[in-house]
Amino acid sequence: PTKHTLIAAAGLAHETRNPLNIVRGLAQMIAKQTGI
């Protein structure tokens, strides 16, 4: 159970990176805008 819990958690962590990259990209776009 420990091994498979770890594998499941790693899968969740892997999937979490994708939306985080989207958030990062949007934040960068906002920071680069002029006049804000």
ModelCIF file with pLDDT and N, C-alpha, C, O atoms, coordinates in Angstrom:
data_MODEL
#
_entry.id   MODEL 
#
_entity.id                         1 
_entity.type                       polymer 
_entity.pdbx_number_of_molecules   1 
#
_entity_poly.entity_id                      1 
_entity_poly.type                           'polypeptide(L)' 
_entity_poly.nstd_linkage                   no 
_entity_poly.nstd_monomer                   no 
_entity_poly.pdbx_seq_one_letter_code       PTKHTLIAAAGLAHETRNPLNIVRGLAQMIAKQTGI 
_entity_poly.pdbx_seq_one_letter_code_can   PTKHTLIAAAGLAHETRNPLNIVRGLAQMIAKQTGI 
_entity_poly.pdbx_strand_id                 A 
#
loop_
_entity_poly_seq.entity_id 
_entity_poly_seq.num 
_entity_poly_seq.mon_id 
_entity_poly_seq.hetero 
1 1  PRO n 
1 2  THR n 
1 3  LYS n 
1 4  HIS n 
1 5  THR n 
1 6  LEU n 
1 7  ILE n 
1 8  ALA n 
1 9  ALA n 
1 10 ALA n 
1 11 GLY n 
1 12 LEU n 
1 13 ALA n 
1 14 HIS n 
1 15 GLU n 
1 16 THR n 
1 17 ARG n 
1 18 ASN n 
1 19 PRO n 
1 20 LEU n 
1 21 ASN n 
1 22 ILE n 
1 23 VAL n 
1 24 ARG n 
1 25 GLY n 
1 26 LEU n 
1 27 ALA n 
1 28 GLN n 
1 29 MET n 
1 30 ILE n 
1 31 ALA n 
1 32 LYS n 
1 33 GLN n 
1 34 THR n 
1 35 GLY n 
1 36 ILE n 
#
_struct_asym.id          A 
_struct_asym.entity_id   1 
#
loop_
_ma_qa_metric.id 
_ma_qa_metric.mode 
_ma_qa_metric.name 
_ma_qa_metric.software_group_id 
_ma_qa_metric.type 
1 global pLDDT . pLDDT 
2 local  pLDDT . pLDDT 
#
_ma_qa_metric_global.metric_id      1 
_ma_qa_metric_global.metric_value   73.22 
_ma_qa_metric_global.model_id       1 
_ma_qa_metric_global.ordinal_id     1 
#
loop_
_ma_qa_metric_local.label_asym_id 
_ma_qa_metric_local.label_comp_id 
_ma_qa_metric_local.label_seq_id 
_ma_qa_metric_local.metric_id 
_ma_qa_metric_local.metric_value 
_ma_qa_metric_local.model_id 
_ma_qa_metric_local.ordinal_id 
A PRO 1  2 49.00 1 1  
A THR 2  2 49.00 1 2  
A LYS 3  2 53.00 1 3  
A HIS 4  2 49.00 1 4  
A THR 5  2 54.00 1 5  
A LEU 6  2 52.00 1 6  
A ILE 7  2 56.00 1 7  
A ALA 8  2 57.00 1 8  
A ALA 9  2 59.00 1 9  
A ALA 10 2 57.00 1 10 
A GLY 11 2 61.00 1 11 
A LEU 12 2 63.00 1 12 
A ALA 13 2 64.00 1 13 
A HIS 14 2 59.00 1 14 
A GLU 15 2 71.00 1 15 
A THR 16 2 73.00 1 16 
A ARG 17 2 72.00 1 17 
A ASN 18 2 75.00 1 18 
A PRO 19 2 82.00 1 19 
A LEU 20 2 83.00 1 20 
A ASN 21 2 80.00 1 21 
A ILE 22 2 85.00 1 22 
A VAL 23 2 85.00 1 23 
A ARG 24 2 86.00 1 24 
A GLY 25 2 87.00 1 25 
A LEU 26 2 88.00 1 26 
A ALA 27 2 88.00 1 27 
A GLN 28 2 90.00 1 28 
A MET 29 2 90.00 1 29 
A ILE 30 2 90.00 1 30 
A ALA 31 2 88.00 1 31 
A LYS 32 2 89.00 1 32 
A GLN 33 2 89.00 1 33 
A THR 34 2 87.00 1 34 
A GLY 35 2 87.00 1 35 
A ILE 36 2 89.00 1 36 
#
loop_
_atom_site.group_PDB 
_atom_site.id 
_atom_site.type_symbol 
_atom_site.label_atom_id 
_atom_site.label_alt_id 
_atom_site.label_comp_id 
_atom_site.label_asym_id 
_atom_site.label_entity_id 
_atom_site.label_seq_id 
_atom_site.pdbx_PDB_ins_code 
_atom_site.Cartn_x 
_atom_site.Cartn_y 
_atom_site.Cartn_z 
_atom_site.occupancy 
_atom_site.B_iso_or_equiv 
_atom_site.pdbx_formal_charge 
_atom_site.auth_seq_id 
_atom_site.auth_comp_id 
_atom_site.auth_asym_id 
_atom_site.auth_atom_id 
_atom_site.pdbx_PDB_model_num 
ATOM 1   N N  . PRO A 1 1  ? 0.807  -1.226 0.000   1.00 49.00 ? 1  PRO A N  1 
ATOM 2   C CA . PRO A 1 1  ? 0.000  0.000  0.000   1.00 49.00 ? 1  PRO A CA 1 
ATOM 3   C C  . PRO A 1 1  ? 0.837  1.271  0.000   1.00 49.00 ? 1  PRO A C  1 
ATOM 4   O O  . PRO A 1 1  ? 0.448  2.271  -0.603  1.00 49.00 ? 1  PRO A O  1 
ATOM 5   N N  . THR A 1 2  ? 1.979  1.239  0.669   1.00 49.00 ? 2  THR A N  1 
ATOM 6   C CA . THR A 1 2  ? 2.840  2.429  0.699   1.00 49.00 ? 2  THR A CA 1 
ATOM 7   C C  . THR A 1 2  ? 3.364  2.742  -0.694  1.00 49.00 ? 2  THR A C  1 
ATOM 8   O O  . THR A 1 2  ? 3.348  3.892  -1.132  1.00 49.00 ? 2  THR A O  1 
ATOM 9   N N  . LYS A 1 3  ? 3.828  1.703  -1.388  1.00 53.00 ? 3  LYS A N  1 
ATOM 10  C CA . LYS A 1 3  ? 4.368  1.883  -2.733  1.00 53.00 ? 3  LYS A CA 1 
ATOM 11  C C  . LYS A 1 3  ? 3.313  2.425  -3.675  1.00 53.00 ? 3  LYS A C  1 
ATOM 12  O O  . LYS A 1 3  ? 3.585  3.342  -4.449  1.00 53.00 ? 3  LYS A O  1 
ATOM 13  N N  . HIS A 1 4  ? 2.103  1.865  -3.619  1.00 49.00 ? 4  HIS A N  1 
ATOM 14  C CA . HIS A 1 4  ? 1.070  2.284  -4.566  1.00 49.00 ? 4  HIS A CA 1 
ATOM 15  C C  . HIS A 1 4  ? 0.483  3.650  -4.210  1.00 49.00 ? 4  HIS A C  1 
ATOM 16  O O  . HIS A 1 4  ? 0.035  4.385  -5.090  1.00 49.00 ? 4  HIS A O  1 
ATOM 17  N N  . THR A 1 5  ? 0.486  3.987  -2.926  1.00 54.00 ? 5  THR A N  1 
ATOM 18  C CA . THR A 1 5  ? 0.085  5.336  -2.540  1.00 54.00 ? 5  THR A CA 1 
ATOM 19  C C  . THR A 1 5  ? 1.077  6.347  -3.078  1.00 54.00 ? 5  THR A C  1 
ATOM 20  O O  . THR A 1 5  ? 0.696  7.419  -3.549  1.00 54.00 ? 5  THR A O  1 
ATOM 21  N N  . LEU A 1 6  ? 2.367  5.996  -3.004  1.00 52.00 ? 6  LEU A N  1 
ATOM 22  C CA . LEU A 1 6  ? 3.419  6.868  -3.511  1.00 52.00 ? 6  LEU A CA 1 
ATOM 23  C C  . LEU A 1 6  ? 3.292  7.055  -5.018  1.00 52.00 ? 6  LEU A C  1 
ATOM 24  O O  . LEU A 1 6  ? 3.445  8.167  -5.524  1.00 52.00 ? 6  LEU A O  1 
ATOM 25  N N  . ILE A 1 7  ? 3.009  5.962  -5.739  1.00 56.00 ? 7  ILE A N  1 
ATOM 26  C CA . ILE A 1 7  ? 2.838  6.042  -7.189  1.00 56.00 ? 7  ILE A CA 1 
ATOM 27  C C  . ILE A 1 7  ? 1.655  6.923  -7.547  1.00 56.00 ? 7  ILE A C  1 
ATOM 28  O O  . ILE A 1 7  ? 1.738  7.744  -8.461  1.00 56.00 ? 7  ILE A O  1 
ATOM 29  N N  . ALA A 1 8  ? 0.534  6.750  -6.815  1.00 57.00 ? 8  ALA A N  1 
ATOM 30  C CA . ALA A 1 8  ? -0.655 7.559  -7.074  1.00 57.00 ? 8  ALA A CA 1 
ATOM 31  C C  . ALA A 1 8  ? -0.382 9.033  -6.806  1.00 57.00 ? 8  ALA A C  1 
ATOM 32  O O  . ALA A 1 8  ? -0.802 9.902  -7.570  1.00 57.00 ? 8  ALA A O  1 
ATOM 33  N N  . ALA A 1 9  ? 0.333  9.307  -5.701  1.00 59.00 ? 9  ALA A N  1 
ATOM 34  C CA . ALA A 1 9  ? 0.664  10.697 -5.366  1.00 59.00 ? 9  ALA A CA 1 
ATOM 35  C C  . ALA A 1 9  ? 1.577  11.306 -6.411  1.00 59.00 ? 9  ALA A C  1 
ATOM 36  O O  . ALA A 1 9  ? 1.443  12.481 -6.754  1.00 59.00 ? 9  ALA A O  1 
ATOM 37  N N  . ALA A 1 10 ? 2.523  10.493 -6.927  1.00 57.00 ? 10 ALA A N  1 
ATOM 38  C CA . ALA A 1 10 ? 3.426  10.991 -7.963  1.00 57.00 ? 10 ALA A CA 1 
ATOM 39  C C  . ALA A 1 10 ? 2.661  11.320 -9.234  1.00 57.00 ? 10 ALA A C  1 
ATOM 40  O O  . ALA A 1 10 ? 2.956  12.309 -9.905  1.00 57.00 ? 10 ALA A O  1 
ATOM 41  N N  . GLY A 1 11 ? 1.673  10.485 -9.564  1.00 61.00 ? 11 GLY A N  1 
ATOM 42  C CA . GLY A 1 11 ? 0.843  10.763 -10.735 1.00 61.00 ? 11 GLY A CA 1 
ATOM 43  C C  . GLY A 1 11 ? 0.061  12.057 -10.575 1.00 61.00 ? 11 GLY A C  1 
ATOM 44  O O  . GLY A 1 11 ? -0.054 12.841 -11.517 1.00 61.00 ? 11 GLY A O  1 
ATOM 45  N N  . LEU A 1 12 ? -0.476 12.277 -9.377  1.00 63.00 ? 12 LEU A N  1 
ATOM 46  C CA . LEU A 1 12 ? -1.200 13.515 -9.107  1.00 63.00 ? 12 LEU A CA 1 
ATOM 47  C C  . LEU A 1 12 ? -0.267 14.714 -9.197  1.00 63.00 ? 12 LEU A C  1 
ATOM 48  O O  . LEU A 1 12 ? -0.638 15.751 -9.747  1.00 63.00 ? 12 LEU A O  1 
ATOM 49  N N  . ALA A 1 13 ? 0.945  14.575 -8.658  1.00 64.00 ? 13 ALA A N  1 
ATOM 50  C CA . ALA A 1 13 ? 1.918  15.668 -8.728  1.00 64.00 ? 13 ALA A CA 1 
ATOM 51  C C  . ALA A 1 13 ? 2.268  15.986 -10.174 1.00 64.00 ? 13 ALA A C  1 
ATOM 52  O O  . ALA A 1 13 ? 2.399  17.150 -10.553 1.00 64.00 ? 13 ALA A O  1 
ATOM 53  N N  . HIS A 1 14 ? 2.419  14.933 -10.977 1.00 59.00 ? 14 HIS A N  1 
ATOM 54  C CA . HIS A 1 14 ? 2.748  15.127 -12.398 1.00 59.00 ? 14 HIS A CA 1 
ATOM 55  C C  . HIS A 1 14 ? 1.638  15.897 -13.107 1.00 59.00 ? 14 HIS A C  1 
ATOM 56  O O  . HIS A 1 14 ? 1.909  16.809 -13.889 1.00 59.00 ? 14 HIS A O  1 
ATOM 57  N N  . GLU A 1 15 ? 0.396  15.529 -12.833 1.00 71.00 ? 15 GLU A N  1 
ATOM 58  C CA . GLU A 1 15 ? -0.730 16.201 -13.485 1.00 71.00 ? 15 GLU A CA 1 
ATOM 59  C C  . GLU A 1 15 ? -0.903 17.631 -12.986 1.00 71.00 ? 15 GLU A C  1 
ATOM 60  O O  . GLU A 1 15 ? -1.412 18.484 -13.714 1.00 71.00 ? 15 GLU A O  1 
ATOM 61  N N  . THR A 1 16 ? -0.488 17.896 -11.764 1.00 73.00 ? 16 THR A N  1 
ATOM 62  C CA . THR A 1 16 ? -0.629 19.232 -11.195 1.00 73.00 ? 16 THR A CA 1 
ATOM 63  C C  . THR A 1 16 ? 0.287  20.235 -11.873 1.00 73.00 ? 16 THR A C  1 
ATOM 64  O O  . THR A 1 16 ? -0.005 21.430 -11.888 1.00 73.00 ? 16 THR A O  1 
ATOM 65  N N  . ARG A 1 17 ? 1.396  19.761 -12.436 1.00 72.00 ? 17 ARG A N  1 
ATOM 66  C CA . ARG A 1 17 ? 2.357  20.676 -13.068 1.00 72.00 ? 17 ARG A CA 1 
ATOM 67  C C  . ARG A 1 17 ? 1.774  21.369 -14.292 1.00 72.00 ? 17 ARG A C  1 
ATOM 68  O O  . ARG A 1 17 ? 2.123  22.516 -14.574 1.00 72.00 ? 17 ARG A O  1 
ATOM 69  N N  . ASN A 1 18 ? 0.897  20.697 -15.018 1.00 75.00 ? 18 ASN A N  1 
ATOM 70  C CA . ASN A 1 18 ? 0.330  21.293 -16.244 1.00 75.00 ? 18 ASN A CA 1 
ATOM 71  C C  . ASN A 1 18 ? -0.484 22.554 -15.959 1.00 75.00 ? 18 ASN A C  1 
ATOM 72  O O  . ASN A 1 18 ? -0.219 23.591 -16.568 1.00 75.00 ? 18 ASN A O  1 
ATOM 73  N N  . PRO A 1 19 ? -1.473 22.502 -15.047 1.00 82.00 ? 19 PRO A N  1 
ATOM 74  C CA . PRO A 1 19 ? -2.192 23.753 -14.744 1.00 82.00 ? 19 PRO A CA 1 
ATOM 75  C C  . PRO A 1 19 ? -1.307 24.820 -14.122 1.00 82.00 ? 19 PRO A C  1 
ATOM 76  O O  . PRO A 1 19 ? -1.541 26.012 -14.321 1.00 82.00 ? 19 PRO A O  1 
ATOM 77  N N  . LEU A 1 20 ? -0.292 24.403 -13.370 1.00 83.00 ? 20 LEU A N  1 
ATOM 78  C CA . LEU A 1 20 ? 0.636  25.379 -12.794 1.00 83.00 ? 20 LEU A CA 1 
ATOM 79  C C  . LEU A 1 20 ? 1.400  26.114 -13.892 1.00 83.00 ? 20 LEU A C  1 
ATOM 80  O O  . LEU A 1 20 ? 1.643  27.317 -13.790 1.00 83.00 ? 20 LEU A O  1 
ATOM 81  N N  . ASN A 1 21 ? 1.775  25.387 -14.942 1.00 80.00 ? 21 ASN A N  1 
ATOM 82  C CA . ASN A 1 21 ? 2.463  26.027 -16.060 1.00 80.00 ? 21 ASN A CA 1 
ATOM 83  C C  . ASN A 1 21 ? 1.559  27.038 -16.761 1.00 80.00 ? 21 ASN A C  1 
ATOM 84  O O  . ASN A 1 21 ? 2.031  28.074 -17.231 1.00 80.00 ? 21 ASN A O  1 
ATOM 85  N N  . ILE A 1 22 ? 0.263  26.739 -16.831 1.00 85.00 ? 22 ILE A N  1 
ATOM 86  C CA . ILE A 1 22 ? -0.684 27.674 -17.429 1.00 85.00 ? 22 ILE A CA 1 
ATOM 87  C C  . ILE A 1 22 ? -0.777 28.938 -16.577 1.00 85.00 ? 22 ILE A C  1 
ATOM 88  O O  . ILE A 1 22 ? -0.751 30.055 -17.095 1.00 85.00 ? 22 ILE A O  1 
ATOM 89  N N  . VAL A 1 23 ? -0.885 28.745 -15.269 1.00 85.00 ? 23 VAL A N  1 
ATOM 90  C CA . VAL A 1 23 ? -0.935 29.895 -14.351 1.00 85.00 ? 23 VAL A CA 1 
ATOM 91  C C  . VAL A 1 23 ? 0.324  30.739 -14.492 1.00 85.00 ? 23 VAL A C  1 
ATOM 92  O O  . VAL A 1 23 ? 0.256  31.968 -14.518 1.00 85.00 ? 23 VAL A O  1 
ATOM 93  N N  . ARG A 1 24 ? 1.466  30.080 -14.581 1.00 86.00 ? 24 ARG A N  1 
ATOM 94  C CA . ARG A 1 24 ? 2.732  30.798 -14.715 1.00 86.00 ? 24 ARG A CA 1 
ATOM 95  C C  . ARG A 1 24 ? 2.764  31.604 -16.010 1.00 86.00 ? 24 ARG A C  1 
ATOM 96  O O  . ARG A 1 24 ? 3.190  32.759 -16.021 1.00 86.00 ? 24 ARG A O  1 
ATOM 97  N N  . GLY A 1 25 ? 2.315  30.990 -17.092 1.00 87.00 ? 25 GLY A N  1 
ATOM 98  C CA . GLY A 1 25 ? 2.302  31.683 -18.382 1.00 87.00 ? 25 GLY A CA 1 
ATOM 99  C C  . GLY A 1 25 ? 1.401  32.902 -18.373 1.00 87.00 ? 25 GLY A C  1 
ATOM 100 O O  . GLY A 1 25 ? 1.763  33.952 -18.905 1.00 87.00 ? 25 GLY A O  1 
ATOM 101 N N  . LEU A 1 26 ? 0.227  32.767 -17.769 1.00 88.00 ? 26 LEU A N  1 
ATOM 102 C CA . LEU A 1 26 ? -0.698 33.906 -17.695 1.00 88.00 ? 26 LEU A CA 1 
ATOM 103 C C  . LEU A 1 26 ? -0.121 35.026 -16.837 1.00 88.00 ? 26 LEU A C  1 
ATOM 104 O O  . LEU A 1 26 ? -0.247 36.202 -17.177 1.00 88.00 ? 26 LEU A O  1 
ATOM 105 N N  . ALA A 1 27 ? 0.511  34.660 -15.728 1.00 88.00 ? 27 ALA A N  1 
ATOM 106 C CA . ALA A 1 27 ? 1.116  35.664 -14.853 1.00 88.00 ? 27 ALA A CA 1 
ATOM 107 C C  . ALA A 1 27 ? 2.234  36.403 -15.576 1.00 88.00 ? 27 ALA A C  1 
ATOM 108 O O  . ALA A 1 27 ? 2.382  37.615 -15.416 1.00 88.00 ? 27 ALA A O  1 
ATOM 109 N N  . GLN A 1 28 ? 3.020  35.686 -16.368 1.00 90.00 ? 28 GLN A N  1 
ATOM 110 C CA . GLN A 1 28 ? 4.085  36.320 -17.135 1.00 90.00 ? 28 GLN A CA 1 
ATOM 111 C C  . GLN A 1 28 ? 3.522  37.282 -18.179 1.00 90.00 ? 28 GLN A C  1 
ATOM 112 O O  . GLN A 1 28 ? 4.067  38.366 -18.387 1.00 90.00 ? 28 GLN A O  1 
ATOM 113 N N  . MET A 1 29 ? 2.432  36.884 -18.832 1.00 90.00 ? 29 MET A N  1 
ATOM 114 C CA . MET A 1 29 ? 1.798  37.744 -19.834 1.00 90.00 ? 29 MET A CA 1 
ATOM 115 C C  . MET A 1 29 ? 1.309  39.041 -19.202 1.00 90.00 ? 29 MET A C  1 
ATOM 116 O O  . MET A 1 29 ? 1.476  40.122 -19.767 1.00 90.00 ? 29 MET A O  1 
ATOM 117 N N  . ILE A 1 30 ? 0.701  38.921 -18.022 1.00 90.00 ? 30 ILE A N  1 
ATOM 118 C CA . ILE A 1 30 ? 0.206  40.110 -17.331 1.00 90.00 ? 30 ILE A CA 1 
ATOM 119 C C  . ILE A 1 30 ? 1.360  41.032 -16.956 1.00 90.00 ? 30 ILE A C  1 
ATOM 120 O O  . ILE A 1 30 ? 1.277  42.248 -17.126 1.00 90.00 ? 30 ILE A O  1 
ATOM 121 N N  . ALA A 1 31 ? 2.441  40.436 -16.441 1.00 88.00 ? 31 ALA A N  1 
ATOM 122 C CA . ALA A 1 31 ? 3.588  41.232 -15.992 1.00 88.00 ? 31 ALA A CA 1 
ATOM 123 C C  . ALA A 1 31 ? 4.246  41.983 -17.142 1.00 88.00 ? 31 ALA A C  1 
ATOM 124 O O  . ALA A 1 31 ? 4.836  43.043 -16.929 1.00 88.00 ? 31 ALA A O  1 
ATOM 125 N N  . LYS A 1 32 ? 4.151  41.444 -18.365 1.00 89.00 ? 32 LYS A N  1 
ATOM 126 C CA . LYS A 1 32 ? 4.804  42.053 -19.517 1.00 89.00 ? 32 LYS A CA 1 
ATOM 127 C C  . LYS A 1 32 ? 3.933  43.101 -20.216 1.00 89.00 ? 32 LYS A C  1 
ATOM 128 O O  . LYS A 1 32 ? 4.410  43.805 -21.106 1.00 89.00 ? 32 LYS A O  1 
ATOM 129 N N  . GLN A 1 33 ? 2.681  43.208 -19.828 1.00 89.00 ? 33 GLN A N  1 
ATOM 130 C CA . GLN A 1 33 ? 1.799  44.174 -20.468 1.00 89.00 ? 33 GLN A CA 1 
ATOM 131 C C  . GLN A 1 33 ? 2.206  45.600 -20.109 1.00 89.00 ? 33 GLN A C  1 
ATOM 132 O O  . GLN A 1 33 ? 2.696  45.864 -19.011 1.00 89.00 ? 33 GLN A O  1 
ATOM 133 N N  . THR A 1 34 ? 1.999  46.486 -21.026 1.00 87.00 ? 34 THR A N  1 
ATOM 134 C CA . THR A 1 34 ? 2.313  47.895 -20.784 1.00 87.00 ? 34 THR A CA 1 
ATOM 135 C C  . THR A 1 34 ? 1.088  48.609 -20.222 1.00 87.00 ? 34 THR A C  1 
ATOM 136 O O  . THR A 1 34 ? -0.051 48.258 -20.531 1.00 87.00 ? 34 THR A O  1 
ATOM 137 N N  . GLY A 1 35 ? 1.336  49.587 -19.416 1.00 87.00 ? 35 GLY A N  1 
ATOM 138 C CA . GLY A 1 35 ? 0.245  50.399 -18.897 1.00 87.00 ? 35 GLY A CA 1 
ATOM 139 C C  . GLY A 1 35 ? -0.478 49.822 -17.705 1.00 87.00 ? 35 GLY A C  1 
ATOM 140 O O  . GLY A 1 35 ? -1.487 50.383 -17.278 1.00 87.00 ? 35 GLY A O  1 
ATOM 141 N N  . ILE A 1 36 ? 0.002  48.709 -17.145 1.00 89.00 ? 36 ILE A N  1 
ATOM 142 C CA . ILE A 1 36 ? -0.678 48.147 -15.976 1.00 89.00 ? 36 ILE A CA 1 
ATOM 143 C C  . ILE A 1 36 ? -0.086 48.748 -14.706 1.00 89.00 ? 36 ILE A C  1 
ATOM 144 O O  . ILE A 1 36 ? -0.517 48.410 -13.604 1.00 89.00 ? 36 ILE A O  1 
#
